[in-house]
């Protein structure tokens, strides 16, 4: 039976956190400015994203990349039709 090699999850997570910290700029790490042109009634998705940006900025980066990929795929599909 072959020897199983364990996935280095802790090392990958540590490296990902280090990479995010290294690539972040001072404005990205600082507290976001208050939203002046807030819609009435308030936008629940925007509020949740602002809170998530404060608590877990790495999750917001992941969501940004997912949305960008989905939009790129939609635009690619529309161009092909």
N, C-alpha and C. Protein backbone atom coordinates (compact mmCIF):
# COMPACT_ATOMS: atom_id res chain seq x y z
N UNK A 1 0.85 -1.18 0.00
CA UNK A 1 0.00 0.00 0.00
C UNK A 1 0.89 1.24 0.00
N UNK A 2 0.59 2.22 -0.88
CA UNK A 2 1.45 3.41 -0.95
C UNK A 2 1.33 4.26 0.32
N UNK A 3 2.41 4.95 0.60
CA UNK A 3 2.43 5.84 1.75
C UNK A 3 1.67 7.11 1.42
N UNK A 4 0.76 7.49 2.31
CA UNK A 4 -0.02 8.71 2.09
C UNK A 4 0.78 9.92 2.53
N UNK A 5 0.75 10.94 1.72
CA UNK A 5 1.42 12.19 2.06
C UNK A 5 0.33 13.16 2.50
N UNK A 6 0.46 13.66 3.72
CA UNK A 6 -0.54 14.58 4.25
C UNK A 6 -0.43 15.94 3.58
N UNK A 7 -1.59 16.55 3.34
CA UNK A 7 -1.62 17.88 2.76
C UNK A 7 -1.19 18.88 3.82
N UNK A 8 -0.23 19.76 3.51
CA UNK A 8 0.27 20.70 4.52
C UNK A 8 -0.67 21.90 4.71
N UNK A 9 -1.83 21.66 5.27
CA UNK A 9 -2.86 22.71 5.38
C UNK A 9 -2.38 23.89 6.22
N UNK A 10 -1.72 23.63 7.33
CA UNK A 10 -1.27 24.72 8.20
C UNK A 10 -0.23 25.58 7.49
N UNK A 11 0.69 24.94 6.77
CA UNK A 11 1.72 25.68 6.06
C UNK A 11 1.12 26.51 4.92
N UNK A 12 0.14 25.94 4.20
CA UNK A 12 -0.52 26.66 3.11
C UNK A 12 -1.29 27.86 3.66
N UNK A 13 -2.00 27.67 4.77
CA UNK A 13 -2.75 28.76 5.38
C UNK A 13 -1.82 29.87 5.86
N UNK A 14 -0.71 29.50 6.48
CA UNK A 14 0.26 30.48 6.96
C UNK A 14 0.87 31.24 5.79
N UNK A 15 1.21 30.54 4.73
CA UNK A 15 1.78 31.19 3.55
C UNK A 15 0.78 32.12 2.89
N UNK A 16 -0.49 31.71 2.81
CA UNK A 16 -1.53 32.56 2.22
C UNK A 16 -1.71 33.84 3.04
N UNK A 17 -1.72 33.72 4.36
CA UNK A 17 -1.85 34.91 5.21
C UNK A 17 -0.64 35.82 5.03
N UNK A 18 0.54 35.25 4.97
CA UNK A 18 1.76 36.05 4.77
C UNK A 18 1.71 36.76 3.42
N UNK A 19 1.27 36.04 2.38
CA UNK A 19 1.19 36.62 1.05
C UNK A 19 0.19 37.77 1.00
N UNK A 20 -0.96 37.60 1.65
CA UNK A 20 -1.95 38.68 1.69
C UNK A 20 -1.40 39.89 2.43
N UNK A 21 -0.74 39.66 3.55
CA UNK A 21 -0.16 40.77 4.32
C UNK A 21 0.94 41.47 3.53
N UNK A 22 1.72 40.71 2.79
CA UNK A 22 2.82 41.30 2.03
C UNK A 22 2.32 42.12 0.86
N UNK A 23 1.23 41.69 0.25
CA UNK A 23 0.73 42.39 -0.93
C UNK A 23 -0.23 43.52 -0.59
N UNK A 24 -0.64 43.62 0.67
CA UNK A 24 -1.59 44.66 1.05
C UNK A 24 -0.88 46.00 1.21
N UNK A 25 -1.60 47.04 0.86
CA UNK A 25 -1.05 48.38 1.05
C UNK A 25 -1.64 49.00 2.32
N UNK A 26 -1.10 50.12 2.72
CA UNK A 26 -1.52 50.76 3.96
C UNK A 26 -2.99 51.16 3.92
N UNK A 27 -3.47 51.66 2.78
CA UNK A 27 -4.87 52.07 2.69
C UNK A 27 -5.81 50.87 2.78
N UNK A 28 -5.38 49.74 2.27
CA UNK A 28 -6.23 48.55 2.33
C UNK A 28 -6.33 48.00 3.75
N UNK A 29 -5.26 48.15 4.53
CA UNK A 29 -5.26 47.62 5.89
C UNK A 29 -5.91 48.57 6.89
N UNK A 30 -6.02 49.85 6.54
CA UNK A 30 -6.60 50.80 7.48
C UNK A 30 -8.12 50.70 7.46
N UNK A 31 -8.74 51.27 8.49
CA UNK A 31 -10.19 51.22 8.63
C UNK A 31 -10.83 51.98 7.46
N UNK A 32 -11.86 51.39 6.83
CA UNK A 32 -12.45 52.07 5.68
C UNK A 32 -13.16 53.36 6.09
N UNK A 33 -13.21 54.30 5.17
CA UNK A 33 -13.89 55.56 5.44
C UNK A 33 -15.40 55.33 5.46
N UNK A 34 -16.12 56.11 6.24
CA UNK A 34 -17.58 55.94 6.29
C UNK A 34 -18.22 56.18 4.93
N UNK A 35 -19.25 55.46 4.68
CA UNK A 35 -19.95 55.54 3.41
C UNK A 35 -20.89 56.74 3.47
N UNK A 36 -20.57 57.79 2.71
CA UNK A 36 -21.33 59.04 2.78
C UNK A 36 -22.63 58.95 1.99
N UNK A 37 -22.59 58.43 0.80
CA UNK A 37 -23.78 58.36 -0.06
C UNK A 37 -24.54 57.07 0.18
N UNK A 38 -24.86 56.79 1.43
CA UNK A 38 -25.55 55.55 1.78
C UNK A 38 -26.99 55.60 1.28
N UNK A 39 -27.46 54.56 0.56
CA UNK A 39 -28.84 54.57 0.07
C UNK A 39 -29.83 54.37 1.21
N UNK A 40 -31.02 54.88 1.02
CA UNK A 40 -32.10 54.69 2.01
C UNK A 40 -33.19 53.93 1.29
N UNK A 41 -33.62 52.78 1.72
CA UNK A 41 -33.11 52.06 2.89
C UNK A 41 -31.71 51.52 2.64
N UNK A 42 -31.01 51.25 3.71
CA UNK A 42 -29.62 50.83 3.59
C UNK A 42 -29.51 49.50 2.84
N UNK A 43 -28.40 49.33 2.18
CA UNK A 43 -28.14 48.14 1.37
C UNK A 43 -27.58 47.04 2.27
N UNK A 44 -28.34 45.97 2.54
CA UNK A 44 -27.85 44.95 3.47
C UNK A 44 -26.59 44.24 2.96
N UNK A 45 -26.48 44.02 1.66
CA UNK A 45 -25.29 43.34 1.13
C UNK A 45 -24.05 44.21 1.31
N UNK A 46 -24.19 45.49 1.01
CA UNK A 46 -23.06 46.40 1.20
C UNK A 46 -22.63 46.49 2.65
N UNK A 47 -23.60 46.51 3.56
CA UNK A 47 -23.28 46.56 4.98
C UNK A 47 -22.56 45.29 5.43
N UNK A 48 -23.03 44.15 4.93
CA UNK A 48 -22.37 42.90 5.29
C UNK A 48 -20.95 42.84 4.74
N UNK A 49 -20.76 43.34 3.51
CA UNK A 49 -19.42 43.33 2.93
C UNK A 49 -18.48 44.27 3.68
N UNK A 50 -18.98 45.41 4.11
CA UNK A 50 -18.14 46.33 4.89
C UNK A 50 -17.74 45.69 6.21
N UNK A 51 -18.66 45.01 6.85
CA UNK A 51 -18.34 44.33 8.12
C UNK A 51 -17.34 43.20 7.89
N UNK A 52 -17.55 42.45 6.81
CA UNK A 52 -16.63 41.36 6.49
C UNK A 52 -15.24 41.90 6.17
N UNK A 53 -15.17 43.07 5.52
CA UNK A 53 -13.87 43.68 5.20
C UNK A 53 -13.12 44.03 6.47
N UNK A 54 -13.83 44.41 7.50
CA UNK A 54 -13.17 44.72 8.77
C UNK A 54 -12.71 43.46 9.50
N UNK A 55 -13.56 42.43 9.47
CA UNK A 55 -13.26 41.22 10.24
C UNK A 55 -12.31 40.27 9.51
N UNK A 56 -12.54 40.07 8.22
CA UNK A 56 -11.75 39.10 7.44
C UNK A 56 -11.47 39.66 6.04
N UNK A 57 -10.48 40.53 5.91
CA UNK A 57 -10.21 41.10 4.58
C UNK A 57 -9.80 40.06 3.55
N UNK A 58 -9.25 38.95 4.00
CA UNK A 58 -8.87 37.90 3.05
C UNK A 58 -10.09 37.28 2.40
N UNK A 59 -11.20 37.17 3.13
CA UNK A 59 -12.44 36.62 2.55
C UNK A 59 -12.99 37.56 1.49
N UNK A 60 -12.87 38.87 1.71
CA UNK A 60 -13.34 39.84 0.72
C UNK A 60 -12.50 39.74 -0.54
N UNK A 61 -11.20 39.53 -0.40
CA UNK A 61 -10.34 39.35 -1.56
C UNK A 61 -10.76 38.12 -2.36
N UNK A 62 -11.09 37.04 -1.66
CA UNK A 62 -11.56 35.84 -2.33
C UNK A 62 -12.87 36.11 -3.07
N UNK A 63 -13.81 36.80 -2.42
CA UNK A 63 -15.08 37.11 -3.07
C UNK A 63 -14.89 38.01 -4.28
N UNK A 64 -13.98 38.98 -4.18
CA UNK A 64 -13.69 39.85 -5.33
C UNK A 64 -13.20 39.04 -6.52
N UNK A 65 -12.34 38.08 -6.26
CA UNK A 65 -11.81 37.26 -7.35
C UNK A 65 -12.88 36.37 -7.96
N UNK A 66 -13.77 35.84 -7.13
CA UNK A 66 -14.85 34.99 -7.64
C UNK A 66 -15.79 35.81 -8.52
N UNK A 67 -16.18 37.00 -8.04
CA UNK A 67 -17.08 37.87 -8.81
C UNK A 67 -16.43 38.27 -10.13
N UNK A 68 -15.15 38.60 -10.11
CA UNK A 68 -14.45 38.97 -11.33
C UNK A 68 -14.43 37.82 -12.33
N UNK A 69 -14.20 36.61 -11.84
CA UNK A 69 -14.20 35.44 -12.73
C UNK A 69 -15.58 35.18 -13.32
N UNK A 70 -16.63 35.32 -12.50
CA UNK A 70 -17.99 35.10 -12.99
C UNK A 70 -18.36 36.15 -14.04
N UNK A 71 -18.03 37.41 -13.77
CA UNK A 71 -18.33 38.47 -14.75
C UNK A 71 -17.56 38.25 -16.06
N UNK A 72 -16.32 37.83 -15.94
CA UNK A 72 -15.54 37.55 -17.14
C UNK A 72 -16.16 36.42 -17.95
N UNK A 73 -16.64 35.38 -17.25
CA UNK A 73 -17.28 34.26 -17.94
C UNK A 73 -18.58 34.69 -18.61
N UNK A 74 -19.38 35.53 -17.93
CA UNK A 74 -20.63 36.01 -18.51
C UNK A 74 -20.34 36.85 -19.75
N UNK A 75 -19.36 37.75 -19.68
CA UNK A 75 -19.02 38.57 -20.82
C UNK A 75 -18.50 37.73 -21.98
N UNK A 76 -17.74 36.69 -21.64
CA UNK A 76 -17.22 35.79 -22.67
C UNK A 76 -18.37 35.05 -23.35
N UNK A 77 -19.37 34.59 -22.56
CA UNK A 77 -20.52 33.88 -23.12
C UNK A 77 -21.37 34.79 -23.98
N UNK A 78 -21.54 36.06 -23.56
CA UNK A 78 -22.33 37.01 -24.34
C UNK A 78 -21.65 37.34 -25.67
N UNK A 79 -20.33 37.41 -25.67
CA UNK A 79 -19.60 37.70 -26.90
C UNK A 79 -19.69 36.53 -27.88
N UNK A 80 -19.78 35.33 -27.35
CA UNK A 80 -19.81 34.15 -28.21
C UNK A 80 -21.17 33.87 -28.80
N UNK A 81 -22.22 34.47 -28.25
CA UNK A 81 -23.58 34.19 -28.72
C UNK A 81 -23.90 34.92 -29.97
